[in-house]
Amino acid sequence: MHVTADRDVCVGAGQCVRAAPDVFDQDEEGIVLVLRQQAGDDRREITEEAAAVCPSGAVRLT
């Protein structure tokens, strides 16, 4: 699964980091950073959860 995040849409809630801290982080302004652009089966569930709880819809999975 390919992981992207729209930093222009991100509101800095940090829900993605809480759900999948090895896939996402935040910069010093609280905006999402994608640490892993590819999430394997071992991270699928937590990455899908991160996308689901993102309040701005910035996290995208394809």
N, C-alpha and C. Protein backbone atom coordinates (compact mmCIF):
# COMPACT_ATOMS: atom_id res chain seq x y z
N MET A 1 0.84 -1.15 0.00
CA MET A 1 0.00 0.00 0.00
C MET A 1 0.90 1.23 0.00
N HIS A 2 0.57 2.20 -0.85
CA HIS A 2 1.33 3.44 -0.95
C HIS A 2 0.68 4.48 -0.02
N VAL A 3 1.51 5.17 0.75
CA VAL A 3 1.04 6.13 1.75
C VAL A 3 1.47 7.54 1.34
N THR A 4 0.51 8.46 1.30
CA THR A 4 0.82 9.86 1.06
C THR A 4 0.02 10.71 2.04
N ALA A 5 0.44 11.95 2.17
CA ALA A 5 -0.29 12.89 3.02
C ALA A 5 -0.19 14.27 2.41
N ASP A 6 -1.30 14.96 2.35
CA ASP A 6 -1.34 16.31 1.81
C ASP A 6 -1.05 17.30 2.94
N ARG A 7 0.16 17.81 2.95
CA ARG A 7 0.60 18.71 4.02
C ARG A 7 -0.16 20.03 4.00
N ASP A 8 -0.73 20.41 2.86
CA ASP A 8 -1.51 21.64 2.77
C ASP A 8 -2.89 21.48 3.42
N VAL A 9 -3.35 20.25 3.52
CA VAL A 9 -4.67 19.96 4.10
C VAL A 9 -4.56 19.63 5.59
N CYS A 10 -3.42 19.12 6.01
CA CYS A 10 -3.21 18.68 7.40
C CYS A 10 -3.49 19.81 8.39
N VAL A 11 -4.22 19.47 9.46
CA VAL A 11 -4.52 20.44 10.52
C VAL A 11 -3.67 20.21 11.77
N GLY A 12 -2.79 19.22 11.73
CA GLY A 12 -1.87 18.99 12.84
C GLY A 12 -2.48 18.32 14.06
N ALA A 13 -3.54 17.57 13.88
CA ALA A 13 -4.20 16.91 15.01
C ALA A 13 -3.34 15.79 15.60
N GLY A 14 -2.49 15.18 14.80
CA GLY A 14 -1.60 14.13 15.29
C GLY A 14 -2.22 12.77 15.44
N GLN A 15 -3.43 12.58 14.97
CA GLN A 15 -4.09 11.28 15.09
C GLN A 15 -3.35 10.20 14.31
N CYS A 16 -2.78 10.56 13.17
CA CYS A 16 -2.04 9.58 12.37
C CYS A 16 -0.81 9.08 13.12
N VAL A 17 -0.14 9.98 13.82
CA VAL A 17 1.05 9.61 14.58
C VAL A 17 0.66 8.69 15.75
N ARG A 18 -0.43 8.97 16.38
CA ARG A 18 -0.90 8.12 17.48
C ARG A 18 -1.26 6.72 16.99
N ALA A 19 -1.87 6.66 15.82
CA ALA A 19 -2.30 5.37 15.28
C ALA A 19 -1.15 4.56 14.68
N ALA A 20 -0.21 5.24 14.03
CA ALA A 20 0.88 4.54 13.33
C ALA A 20 2.18 5.34 13.44
N PRO A 21 2.79 5.33 14.62
CA PRO A 21 3.98 6.16 14.84
C PRO A 21 5.22 5.76 14.04
N ASP A 22 5.23 4.55 13.51
CA ASP A 22 6.37 4.17 12.67
C ASP A 22 6.13 4.49 11.20
N VAL A 23 4.93 5.00 10.88
CA VAL A 23 4.61 5.39 9.50
C VAL A 23 4.54 6.91 9.37
N PHE A 24 4.08 7.59 10.44
CA PHE A 24 3.89 9.04 10.40
C PHE A 24 4.61 9.74 11.54
N ASP A 25 4.93 10.99 11.30
CA ASP A 25 5.48 11.88 12.33
C ASP A 25 4.94 13.27 12.03
N GLN A 26 5.33 14.22 12.86
CA GLN A 26 4.94 15.61 12.64
C GLN A 26 6.18 16.48 12.68
N ASP A 27 6.18 17.54 11.86
CA ASP A 27 7.30 18.47 11.89
C ASP A 27 7.13 19.42 13.08
N GLU A 28 8.01 20.39 13.21
CA GLU A 28 7.98 21.28 14.36
C GLU A 28 6.72 22.15 14.41
N GLU A 29 6.00 22.25 13.29
CA GLU A 29 4.74 22.99 13.26
C GLU A 29 3.53 22.08 13.43
N GLY A 30 3.78 20.79 13.60
CA GLY A 30 2.69 19.83 13.81
C GLY A 30 2.12 19.24 12.53
N ILE A 31 2.70 19.57 11.39
CA ILE A 31 2.19 19.08 10.11
C ILE A 31 2.75 17.68 9.83
N VAL A 32 1.91 16.85 9.25
CA VAL A 32 2.24 15.44 9.01
C VAL A 32 3.49 15.26 8.15
N LEU A 33 4.26 14.25 8.52
CA LEU A 33 5.38 13.76 7.73
C LEU A 33 5.18 12.27 7.52
N VAL A 34 5.35 11.80 6.31
CA VAL A 34 5.25 10.38 6.02
C VAL A 34 6.65 9.78 6.15
N LEU A 35 6.81 8.86 7.09
CA LEU A 35 8.09 8.21 7.31
C LEU A 35 8.29 7.01 6.38
N ARG A 36 7.20 6.36 6.03
CA ARG A 36 7.24 5.18 5.16
C ARG A 36 6.21 5.36 4.05
N GLN A 37 6.68 5.49 2.83
CA GLN A 37 5.76 5.66 1.71
C GLN A 37 5.13 4.34 1.29
N GLN A 38 5.70 3.24 1.72
CA GLN A 38 5.14 1.92 1.44
C GLN A 38 4.86 1.24 2.78
N ALA A 39 3.63 0.84 2.97
CA ALA A 39 3.24 0.11 4.19
C ALA A 39 2.90 -1.32 3.80
N GLY A 40 3.65 -2.25 4.33
CA GLY A 40 3.42 -3.66 4.04
C GLY A 40 2.25 -4.21 4.83
N ASP A 41 2.00 -5.48 4.64
CA ASP A 41 0.89 -6.15 5.32
C ASP A 41 1.00 -6.05 6.84
N ASP A 42 2.22 -6.01 7.35
CA ASP A 42 2.40 -5.94 8.80
C ASP A 42 1.98 -4.58 9.38
N ARG A 43 1.85 -3.56 8.54
CA ARG A 43 1.43 -2.23 8.99
C ARG A 43 0.09 -1.81 8.40
N ARG A 44 -0.52 -2.69 7.66
CA ARG A 44 -1.76 -2.35 6.96
C ARG A 44 -2.86 -1.85 7.91
N GLU A 45 -3.12 -2.60 8.95
CA GLU A 45 -4.23 -2.25 9.85
C GLU A 45 -4.01 -0.89 10.52
N ILE A 46 -2.80 -0.66 11.05
CA ILE A 46 -2.56 0.61 11.75
C ILE A 46 -2.53 1.78 10.77
N THR A 47 -2.07 1.54 9.55
CA THR A 47 -2.04 2.61 8.55
C THR A 47 -3.44 2.95 8.08
N GLU A 48 -4.28 1.95 7.90
CA GLU A 48 -5.68 2.20 7.55
C GLU A 48 -6.39 2.94 8.67
N GLU A 49 -6.09 2.59 9.91
CA GLU A 49 -6.67 3.29 11.06
C GLU A 49 -6.24 4.75 11.07
N ALA A 50 -4.97 5.00 10.78
CA ALA A 50 -4.46 6.37 10.74
C ALA A 50 -5.21 7.20 9.70
N ALA A 51 -5.45 6.63 8.54
CA ALA A 51 -6.20 7.34 7.50
C ALA A 51 -7.64 7.58 7.93
N ALA A 52 -8.23 6.61 8.59
CA ALA A 52 -9.62 6.72 9.01
C ALA A 52 -9.84 7.78 10.07
N VAL A 53 -8.86 7.98 10.96
CA VAL A 53 -9.04 8.94 12.05
C VAL A 53 -8.52 10.32 11.72
N CYS A 54 -7.93 10.51 10.56
CA CYS A 54 -7.41 11.83 10.18
C CYS A 54 -8.59 12.79 10.00
N PRO A 55 -8.70 13.83 10.83
CA PRO A 55 -9.86 14.70 10.76
C PRO A 55 -9.93 15.56 9.49
N SER A 56 -8.80 15.80 8.84
CA SER A 56 -8.79 16.64 7.65
C SER A 56 -8.80 15.84 6.37
N GLY A 57 -8.59 14.53 6.46
CA GLY A 57 -8.52 13.70 5.26
C GLY A 57 -7.21 13.85 4.51
N ALA A 58 -6.18 14.30 5.20
CA ALA A 58 -4.89 14.51 4.56
C ALA A 58 -4.17 13.21 4.22
N VAL A 59 -4.42 12.16 4.98
CA VAL A 59 -3.73 10.88 4.77
C VAL A 59 -4.46 10.10 3.68
N ARG A 60 -3.68 9.65 2.70
CA ARG A 60 -4.25 8.88 1.58
C ARG A 60 -3.52 7.57 1.42
N LEU A 61 -4.27 6.52 1.12
CA LEU A 61 -3.70 5.19 0.90
C LEU A 61 -4.15 4.70 -0.46
N THR A 62 -3.20 4.19 -1.24
CA THR A 62 -3.56 3.63 -2.54
C THR A 62 -2.90 2.29 -2.71
